[in-house]
PDB file of all heavy atoms in Angstrom:
ATOM      1  N   GLY A   1     138.339  85.128  82.610  1.00  0.00           N
ATOM      2  CA  GLY A   1     139.684  85.072  82.947  1.00  0.00           C
ATOM      3  C   GLY A   1     139.917  84.908  84.484  1.00  0.00           C
ATOM      4  O   GLY A   1     139.199  85.469  85.297  1.00  0.00           O
ATOM      5  N   ARG A   2     141.025  84.244  84.857  1.00  0.00           N
ATOM      6  CA  ARG A   2     141.346  84.055  86.286  1.00  0.00           C
ATOM      7  C   ARG A   2     141.920  85.378  86.751  1.00  0.00           C
ATOM      8  O   ARG A   2     141.797  85.749  87.927  1.00  0.00           O
ATOM      9  CB  ARG A   2     142.352  82.894  86.484  1.00  0.00           C
ATOM     10  CG  ARG A   2     141.804  81.574  86.178  1.00  0.00           C
ATOM     11  CD  ARG A   2     142.828  80.515  86.448  1.00  0.00           C
ATOM     12  NE  ARG A   2     144.107  80.868  85.862  1.00  0.00           N
ATOM     13  CZ  ARG A   2     145.177  81.278  86.527  1.00  0.00           C
ATOM     14  NH1 ARG A   2     145.094  81.463  87.832  1.00  0.00           N
ATOM     15  NH2 ARG A   2     146.348  81.610  85.876  1.00  0.00           N
ATOM     16  N   HIS A   3     142.692  86.052  85.974  1.00  0.00           N
ATOM     17  CA  HIS A   3     143.416  87.260  86.315  1.00  0.00           C
ATOM     18  C   HIS A   3     143.020  88.374  85.356  1.00  0.00           C
ATOM     19  O   HIS A   3     142.797  88.103  84.146  1.00  0.00           O
ATOM     20  CB  HIS A   3     144.874  87.050  86.369  1.00  0.00           C
ATOM     21  CG  HIS A   3     145.304  86.013  87.311  1.00  0.00           C
ATOM     22  ND1 HIS A   3     145.438  86.291  88.718  1.00  0.00           N
ATOM     23  CD2 HIS A   3     145.779  84.788  87.219  1.00  0.00           C
ATOM     24  CE1 HIS A   3     145.842  85.201  89.323  1.00  0.00           C
ATOM     25  NE2 HIS A   3     146.083  84.209  88.460  1.00  0.00           N
ATOM     26  N   PRO A   4     143.050  89.727  85.749  1.00  0.00           N
ATOM     27  CA  PRO A   4     142.779  90.738  84.825  1.00  0.00           C
ATOM     28  C   PRO A   4     143.741  90.777  83.645  1.00  0.00           C
ATOM     29  O   PRO A   4     143.379  91.292  82.606  1.00  0.00           O
ATOM     30  CB  PRO A   4     142.922  92.016  85.739  1.00  0.00           C
ATOM     31  CG  PRO A   4     142.695  91.514  87.172  1.00  0.00           C
ATOM     32  CD  PRO A   4     143.181  90.095  87.161  1.00  0.00           C
ATOM     33  N   GLN A   5     144.961  90.289  83.839  1.00  0.00           N
ATOM     34  CA  GLN A   5     145.962  90.319  82.841  1.00  0.00           C
ATOM     35  C   GLN A   5     146.013  89.034  81.913  1.00  0.00           C
ATOM     36  O   GLN A   5     146.855  88.933  81.030  1.00  0.00           O
ATOM     37  CB  GLN A   5     147.347  90.597  83.393  1.00  0.00           C
ATOM     38  CG  GLN A   5     147.561  91.988  83.904  1.00  0.00           C
ATOM     39  CD  GLN A   5     148.905  92.181  84.476  1.00  0.00           C
ATOM     40  OE1 GLN A   5     149.362  91.494  85.377  1.00  0.00           O
ATOM     41  NE2 GLN A   5     149.678  93.087  83.807  1.00  0.00           N
ATOM     42  N   SER A   6     145.139  88.103  82.174  1.00  0.00           N
ATOM     43  CA  SER A   6     145.057  86.917  81.415  1.00  0.00           C
ATOM     44  C   SER A   6     144.908  87.258  79.880  1.00  0.00           C
ATOM     45  O   SER A   6     144.055  88.110  79.549  1.00  0.00           O
ATOM     46  CB  SER A   6     143.950  85.994  81.796  1.00  0.00           C
ATOM     47  OG  SER A   6     144.190  85.409  83.161  1.00  0.00           O
ATOM     48  N   ILE A   7     145.596  86.553  79.002  1.00  0.00           N
ATOM     49  CA  ILE A   7     145.397  86.726  77.605  1.00  0.00           C
ATOM     50  C   ILE A   7     144.416  85.699  77.114  1.00  0.00           C
ATOM     51  O   ILE A   7     144.701  84.508  77.092  1.00  0.00           O
ATOM     52  CB  ILE A   7     146.729  86.573  76.800  1.00  0.00           C
ATOM     53  CG1 ILE A   7     147.761  87.638  77.263  1.00  0.00           C
ATOM     54  CG2 ILE A   7     146.498  86.604  75.295  1.00  0.00           C
ATOM     55  CD1 ILE A   7     149.102  87.461  76.636  1.00  0.00           C
ATOM     56  N   VAL A   8     143.182  86.161  76.774  1.00  0.00           N
ATOM     57  CA  VAL A   8     142.140  85.222  76.473  1.00  0.00           C
ATOM     58  C   VAL A   8     142.111  85.035  74.941  1.00  0.00           C
ATOM     59  O   VAL A   8     141.261  85.578  74.260  1.00  0.00           O
ATOM     60  CB  VAL A   8     140.766  85.709  76.943  1.00  0.00           C
ATOM     61  CG1 VAL A   8     139.733  84.726  76.763  1.00  0.00           C
ATOM     62  CG2 VAL A   8     140.930  86.077  78.443  1.00  0.00           C
ATOM     63  N   HIS A   9     143.131  84.321  74.392  1.00  0.00           N
ATOM     64  CA  HIS A   9     143.211  83.957  73.020  1.00  0.00           C
ATOM     65  C   HIS A   9     144.071  82.718  72.982  1.00  0.00           C
ATOM     66  O   HIS A   9     145.186  82.740  73.541  1.00  0.00           O
ATOM     67  CB  HIS A   9     143.792  85.130  72.246  1.00  0.00           C
ATOM     68  CG  HIS A   9     143.955  84.937  70.747  1.00  0.00           C
ATOM     69  ND1 HIS A   9     143.384  85.891  69.801  1.00  0.00           N
ATOM     70  CD2 HIS A   9     144.344  83.909  70.003  1.00  0.00           C
ATOM     71  CE1 HIS A   9     143.573  85.410  68.609  1.00  0.00           C
ATOM     72  NE2 HIS A   9     144.209  84.246  68.705  1.00  0.00           N
ATOM     73  N   ALA A  10     143.622  81.658  72.274  1.00  0.00           N
ATOM     74  CA  ALA A  10     144.325  80.444  72.311  1.00  0.00           C
ATOM     75  C   ALA A  10     145.793  80.525  71.895  1.00  0.00           C
ATOM     76  O   ALA A  10     146.076  80.934  70.795  1.00  0.00           O
ATOM     77  CB  ALA A  10     143.588  79.432  71.387  1.00  0.00           C
ATOM     78  N   HIS A  11     146.648  80.114  72.789  1.00  0.00           N
ATOM     79  CA  HIS A  11     148.106  80.047  72.503  1.00  0.00           C
ATOM     80  C   HIS A  11     148.706  78.869  73.304  1.00  0.00           C
ATOM     81  O   HIS A  11     148.561  78.736  74.461  1.00  0.00           O
ATOM     82  CB  HIS A  11     148.732  81.357  72.883  1.00  0.00           C
ATOM     83  CG  HIS A  11     148.696  81.821  74.224  1.00  0.00           C
ATOM     84  ND1 HIS A  11     147.352  82.328  74.801  1.00  0.00           N
ATOM     85  CD2 HIS A  11     149.528  81.887  75.305  1.00  0.00           C
ATOM     86  CE1 HIS A  11     147.558  82.719  76.071  1.00  0.00           C
ATOM     87  NE2 HIS A  11     148.896  82.400  76.396  1.00  0.00           N
ATOM     88  N   LEU A  12     149.503  78.080  72.639  1.00  0.00           N
ATOM     89  CA  LEU A  12     150.086  76.893  73.207  1.00  0.00           C
ATOM     90  C   LEU A  12     151.643  77.106  73.264  1.00  0.00           C
ATOM     91  O   LEU A  12     152.234  77.541  72.308  1.00  0.00           O
ATOM     92  CB  LEU A  12     149.792  75.708  72.274  1.00  0.00           C
ATOM     93  CG  LEU A  12     150.176  74.324  72.636  1.00  0.00           C
ATOM     94  CD1 LEU A  12     149.304  73.861  73.818  1.00  0.00           C
ATOM     95  CD2 LEU A  12     150.032  73.385  71.504  1.00  0.00           C
ATOM     96  N   HIS A  13     152.171  76.766  74.441  1.00  0.00           N
ATOM     97  CA  HIS A  13     153.596  76.909  74.588  1.00  0.00           C
ATOM     98  C   HIS A  13     154.309  75.648  74.197  1.00  0.00           C
ATOM     99  O   HIS A  13     153.977  74.574  74.730  1.00  0.00           O
ATOM    100  CB  HIS A  13     153.895  77.213  76.211  1.00  0.00           C
ATOM    101  CG  HIS A  13     153.169  78.246  76.768  1.00  0.00           C
ATOM    102  ND1 HIS A  13     153.777  79.316  77.426  1.00  0.00           N
ATOM    103  CD2 HIS A  13     151.794  78.473  76.905  1.00  0.00           C
ATOM    104  CE1 HIS A  13     152.849  80.100  77.930  1.00  0.00           C
ATOM    105  NE2 HIS A  13     151.669  79.650  77.614  1.00  0.00           N
ATOM    106  N   LEU A  14     155.306  75.776  73.280  1.00  0.00           N
ATOM    107  CA  LEU A  14     156.152  74.588  72.935  1.00  0.00           C
ATOM    108  C   LEU A  14     157.554  74.999  73.330  1.00  0.00           C
ATOM    109  O   LEU A  14     158.077  75.980  72.894  1.00  0.00           O
ATOM    110  CB  LEU A  14     156.031  74.301  71.433  1.00  0.00           C
ATOM    111  CG  LEU A  14     156.656  72.996  71.011  1.00  0.00           C
ATOM    112  CD1 LEU A  14     156.124  72.525  69.694  1.00  0.00           C
ATOM    113  CD2 LEU A  14     158.193  73.123  70.835  1.00  0.00           C
ATOM    114  N   ILE A  15     158.141  74.151  74.235  1.00  0.00           N
ATOM    115  CA  ILE A  15     159.403  74.532  74.832  1.00  0.00           C
ATOM    116  C   ILE A  15     160.405  73.343  74.856  1.00  0.00           C
ATOM    117  O   ILE A  15     160.080  72.346  75.399  1.00  0.00           O
ATOM    118  CB  ILE A  15     159.212  75.055  76.264  1.00  0.00           C
ATOM    119  CG1 ILE A  15     157.963  75.933  76.411  1.00  0.00           C
ATOM    120  CG2 ILE A  15     160.473  75.769  76.769  1.00  0.00           C
ATOM    121  CD1 ILE A  15     157.484  76.074  77.770  1.00  0.00           C
ATOM    122  N   PRO A  16     161.678  73.562  74.329  1.00  0.00           N
ATOM    123  CA  PRO A  16     162.628  72.501  74.452  1.00  0.00           C
ATOM    124  C   PRO A  16     163.256  72.528  75.842  1.00  0.00           C
ATOM    125  O   PRO A  16     164.391  72.974  76.101  1.00  0.00           O
ATOM    126  CB  PRO A  16     163.639  72.885  73.357  1.00  0.00           C
ATOM    127  CG  PRO A  16     163.529  74.396  73.309  1.00  0.00           C
ATOM    128  CD  PRO A  16     162.146  74.702  73.625  1.00  0.00           C
ATOM    129  N   PHE A  17     162.475  72.048  76.820  1.00  0.00           N
ATOM    130  CA  PHE A  17     162.801  72.121  78.235  1.00  0.00           C
ATOM    131  C   PHE A  17     162.086  70.956  79.016  1.00  0.00           C
ATOM    132  O   PHE A  17     161.008  70.629  78.618  1.00  0.00           O
ATOM    133  CB  PHE A  17     162.290  73.532  78.740  1.00  0.00           C
ATOM    134  CG  PHE A  17     162.705  73.735  80.254  1.00  0.00           C
ATOM    135  CD1 PHE A  17     163.942  74.341  80.502  1.00  0.00           C
ATOM    136  CD2 PHE A  17     161.844  73.414  81.297  1.00  0.00           C
ATOM    137  CE1 PHE A  17     164.292  74.595  81.808  1.00  0.00           C
ATOM    138  CE2 PHE A  17     162.145  73.738  82.598  1.00  0.00           C
ATOM    139  CZ  PHE A  17     163.455  74.327  82.881  1.00  0.00           C
ATOM    140  N   ASN A  18     162.824  70.445  79.992  1.00  0.00           N
ATOM    141  CA  ASN A  18     162.153  69.338  80.786  1.00  0.00           C
ATOM    142  C   ASN A  18     162.206  69.835  82.251  1.00  0.00           C
ATOM    143  O   ASN A  18     163.193  70.188  82.829  1.00  0.00           O
ATOM    144  CB  ASN A  18     162.966  68.057  80.664  1.00  0.00           C
ATOM    145  CG  ASN A  18     162.820  67.437  79.301  1.00  0.00           C
ATOM    146  OD1 ASN A  18     163.394  66.329  79.080  1.00  0.00           O
ATOM    147  ND2 ASN A  18     162.096  68.047  78.409  1.00  0.00           N
ATOM    148  N   PHE A  19     161.033  69.775  82.869  1.00  0.00           N
ATOM    149  CA  PHE A  19     160.949  70.053  84.339  1.00  0.00           C
ATOM    150  C   PHE A  19     161.652  68.886  85.118  1.00  0.00           C
ATOM    151  O   PHE A  19     161.565  67.707  84.744  1.00  0.00           O
ATOM    152  CB  PHE A  19     159.535  70.119  84.887  1.00  0.00           C
ATOM    153  CG  PHE A  19     158.752  71.253  84.350  1.00  0.00           C
ATOM    154  CD1 PHE A  19     157.600  71.079  83.522  1.00  0.00           C
ATOM    155  CD2 PHE A  19     159.183  72.525  84.593  1.00  0.00           C
ATOM    156  CE1 PHE A  19     156.910  72.158  83.057  1.00  0.00           C
ATOM    157  CE2 PHE A  19     158.537  73.678  84.082  1.00  0.00           C
ATOM    158  CZ  PHE A  19     157.338  73.507  83.335  1.00  0.00           C
ATOM    159  N   ASN A  20     162.414  69.281  86.175  1.00  0.00           N
ATOM    160  CA  ASN A  20     162.904  68.194  87.026  1.00  0.00           C
ATOM    161  C   ASN A  20     161.758  67.668  87.797  1.00  0.00           C
ATOM    162  O   ASN A  20     160.616  68.124  87.732  1.00  0.00           O
ATOM    163  CB  ASN A  20     164.044  68.710  87.986  1.00  0.00           C
ATOM    164  CG  ASN A  20     163.611  69.795  88.958  1.00  0.00           C
ATOM    165  OD1 ASN A  20     162.468  69.719  89.405  1.00  0.00           O
ATOM    166  ND2 ASN A  20     164.553  70.700  89.183  1.00  0.00           N
ATOM    167  N   LYS A  21     161.987  66.557  88.575  1.00  0.00           N
ATOM    168  CA  LYS A  21     160.836  65.872  89.133  1.00  0.00           C
ATOM    169  C   LYS A  21     160.094  66.707  90.167  1.00  0.00           C
ATOM    170  O   LYS A  21     158.830  66.734  90.298  1.00  0.00           O
ATOM    171  CB  LYS A  21     161.305  64.553  89.854  1.00  0.00           C
ATOM    172  CG  LYS A  21     160.222  63.537  90.123  1.00  0.00           C
ATOM    173  CD  LYS A  21     159.560  63.114  88.806  1.00  0.00           C
ATOM    174  CE  LYS A  21     158.379  62.153  89.083  1.00  0.00           C
ATOM    175  NZ  LYS A  21     157.641  61.793  87.761  1.00  0.00           N
ATOM    176  N   ASP A  22     160.868  67.533  90.998  1.00  0.00           N
ATOM    177  CA  ASP A  22     160.295  68.339  91.969  1.00  0.00           C
ATOM    178  C   ASP A  22     159.330  69.359  91.388  1.00  0.00           C
ATOM    179  O   ASP A  22     158.243  69.621  91.849  1.00  0.00           O
ATOM    180  CB  ASP A  22     161.236  68.934  92.910  1.00  0.00           C
ATOM    181  CG  ASP A  22     161.951  68.021  93.859  1.00  0.00           C
ATOM    182  OD1 ASP A  22     161.402  66.921  94.097  1.00  0.00           O
ATOM    183  OD2 ASP A  22     163.032  68.291  94.408  1.00  0.00           O
ATOM    184  N   ILE A  23     159.829  70.064  90.330  1.00  0.00           N
ATOM    185  CA  ILE A  23     159.129  71.136  89.651  1.00  0.00           C
ATOM    186  C   ILE A  23     157.889  70.530  88.952  1.00  0.00           C
ATOM    187  O   ILE A  23     156.788  71.124  88.992  1.00  0.00           O
ATOM    188  CB  ILE A  23     160.024  71.866  88.683  1.00  0.00           C
ATOM    189  CG1 ILE A  23     161.085  72.641  89.433  1.00  0.00           C
ATOM    190  CG2 ILE A  23     159.094  72.872  87.881  1.00  0.00           C
ATOM    191  CD1 ILE A  23     160.633  73.755  90.399  1.00  0.00           C
ATOM    192  N   GLU A  24     158.086  69.393  88.309  1.00  0.00           N
ATOM    193  CA  GLU A  24     156.884  68.738  87.672  1.00  0.00           C
ATOM    194  C   GLU A  24     155.846  68.365  88.662  1.00  0.00           C
ATOM    195  O   GLU A  24     154.653  68.562  88.364  1.00  0.00           O
ATOM    196  CB  GLU A  24     157.341  67.487  86.799  1.00  0.00           C
ATOM    197  CG  GLU A  24     156.233  66.960  85.934  1.00  0.00           C
ATOM    198  CD  GLU A  24     156.670  65.802  85.061  1.00  0.00           C
ATOM    199  OE1 GLU A  24     157.114  64.746  85.721  1.00  0.00           O
ATOM    200  OE2 GLU A  24     156.597  65.926  83.886  1.00  0.00           O
ATOM    201  N   ASN A  25     156.285  67.848  89.792  1.00  0.00           N
ATOM    202  CA  ASN A  25     155.311  67.524  90.915  1.00  0.00           C
ATOM    203  C   ASN A  25     154.484  68.779  91.275  1.00  0.00           C
ATOM    204  O   ASN A  25     153.260  68.707  91.576  1.00  0.00           O
ATOM    205  CB  ASN A  25     156.028  66.873  92.036  1.00  0.00           C
ATOM    206  CG  ASN A  25     156.442  65.515  91.737  1.00  0.00           C
ATOM    207  OD1 ASN A  25     155.985  64.804  90.888  1.00  0.00           O
ATOM    208  ND2 ASN A  25     157.410  64.899  92.577  1.00  0.00           N
ATOM    209  N   GLU A  26     155.200  69.887  91.391  1.00  0.00           N
ATOM    210  CA  GLU A  26     154.610  71.135  91.747  1.00  0.00           C
ATOM    211  C   GLU A  26     153.493  71.497  90.719  1.00  0.00           C
ATOM    212  O   GLU A  26     152.445  71.985  91.033  1.00  0.00           O
ATOM    213  CB  GLU A  26     155.623  72.228  91.914  1.00  0.00           C
ATOM    214  CG  GLU A  26     155.075  73.531  92.521  1.00  0.00           C
ATOM    215  CD  GLU A  26     156.219  74.587  92.823  1.00  0.00           C
ATOM    216  OE1 GLU A  26     157.362  74.192  92.929  1.00  0.00           O
ATOM    217  OE2 GLU A  26     155.838  75.800  92.929  1.00  0.00           O
ATOM    218  N   LEU A  27     153.930  71.385  89.451  1.00  0.00           N
ATOM    219  CA  LEU A  27     152.977  71.646  88.377  1.00  0.00           C
ATOM    220  C   LEU A  27     151.727  70.795  88.516  1.00  0.00           C
ATOM    221  O   LEU A  27     150.576  71.329  88.390  1.00  0.00           O
ATOM    222  CB  LEU A  27     153.552  71.384  87.045  1.00  0.00           C
ATOM    223  CG  LEU A  27     152.761  71.667  85.786  1.00  0.00           C
ATOM    224  CD1 LEU A  27     152.530  73.175  85.483  1.00  0.00           C
ATOM    225  CD2 LEU A  27     153.376  70.978  84.560  1.00  0.00           C
ATOM    226  N   PHE A  28     151.922  69.580  88.716  1.00  0.00           N
ATOM    227  CA  PHE A  28     150.802  68.635  88.856  1.00  0.00           C
ATOM    228  C   PHE A  28     149.879  68.930  90.061  1.00  0.00           C
ATOM    229  O   PHE A  28     148.667  68.921  90.010  1.00  0.00           O
ATOM    230  CB  PHE A  28     151.217  67.176  88.929  1.00  0.00           C
ATOM    231  CG  PHE A  28     151.452  66.493  87.626  1.00  0.00           C
ATOM    232  CD1 PHE A  28     152.500  66.704  86.903  1.00  0.00           C
ATOM    233  CD2 PHE A  28     150.467  65.630  87.158  1.00  0.00           C
ATOM    234  CE1 PHE A  28     152.783  66.143  85.557  1.00  0.00           C
ATOM    235  CE2 PHE A  28     150.649  65.022  85.898  1.00  0.00           C
ATOM    236  CZ  PHE A  28     151.787  65.321  85.150  1.00  0.00           C
ATOM    237  N   GLU A  29     150.572  69.322  91.198  1.00  0.00           N
ATOM    238  CA  GLU A  29     149.805  69.609  92.376  1.00  0.00           C
ATOM    239  C   GLU A  29     148.998  70.909  92.267  1.00  0.00           C
ATOM    240  O   GLU A  29     147.807  71.001  92.536  1.00  0.00           O
ATOM    241  CB  GLU A  29     150.786  69.682  93.571  1.00  0.00           C
ATOM    242  CG  GLU A  29     150.104  70.027  94.893  1.00  0.00           C
ATOM    243  CD  GLU A  29     151.032  70.073  96.138  1.00  0.00           C
ATOM    244  OE1 GLU A  29     152.182  69.499  95.936  1.00  0.00           O
ATOM    245  OE2 GLU A  29     150.715  70.589  97.100  1.00  0.00           O
ATOM    246  N   GLU A  30     149.645  71.890  91.705  1.00  0.00           N
ATOM    247  CA  GLU A  30     148.977  73.200  91.580  1.00  0.00           C
ATOM    248  C   GLU A  30     147.796  73.099  90.537  1.00  0.00           C
ATOM    249  O   GLU A  30     146.765  73.771  90.802  1.00  0.00           O
ATOM    250  CB  GLU A  30     149.950  74.324  91.052  1.00  0.00           C
ATOM    251  CG  GLU A  30     151.061  74.701  92.104  1.00  0.00           C
ATOM    252  CD  GLU A  30     150.432  75.697  93.159  1.00  0.00           C
ATOM    253  OE1 GLU A  30     149.204  76.005  93.120  1.00  0.00           O
ATOM    254  OE2 GLU A  30     151.248  76.173  93.894  1.00  0.00           O
ATOM    255  N   LEU A  31     147.927  72.379  89.454  1.00  0.00           N
ATOM    256  CA  LEU A  31     146.928  72.346  88.445  1.00  0.00           C
ATOM    257  C   LEU A  31     146.007  71.106  88.446  1.00  0.00           C
ATOM    258  O   LEU A  31     145.113  71.008  87.686  1.00  0.00           O
ATOM    259  CB  LEU A  31     147.619  72.402  87.073  1.00  0.00           C
ATOM    260  CG  LEU A  31     148.487  73.683  86.842  1.00  0.00           C
ATOM    261  CD1 LEU A  31     149.061  73.657  85.383  1.00  0.00           C
ATOM    262  CD2 LEU A  31     147.813  74.955  87.123  1.00  0.00           C
TER     263      LEU A  31
END
């Protein structure tokens, strides 16, 4: 785990939500 509080059990987030361009760019840059 990266963090002590990480949940180490497979879980996928499905969200009816779209990042705006700036936030999506931040996601791509961080990850």
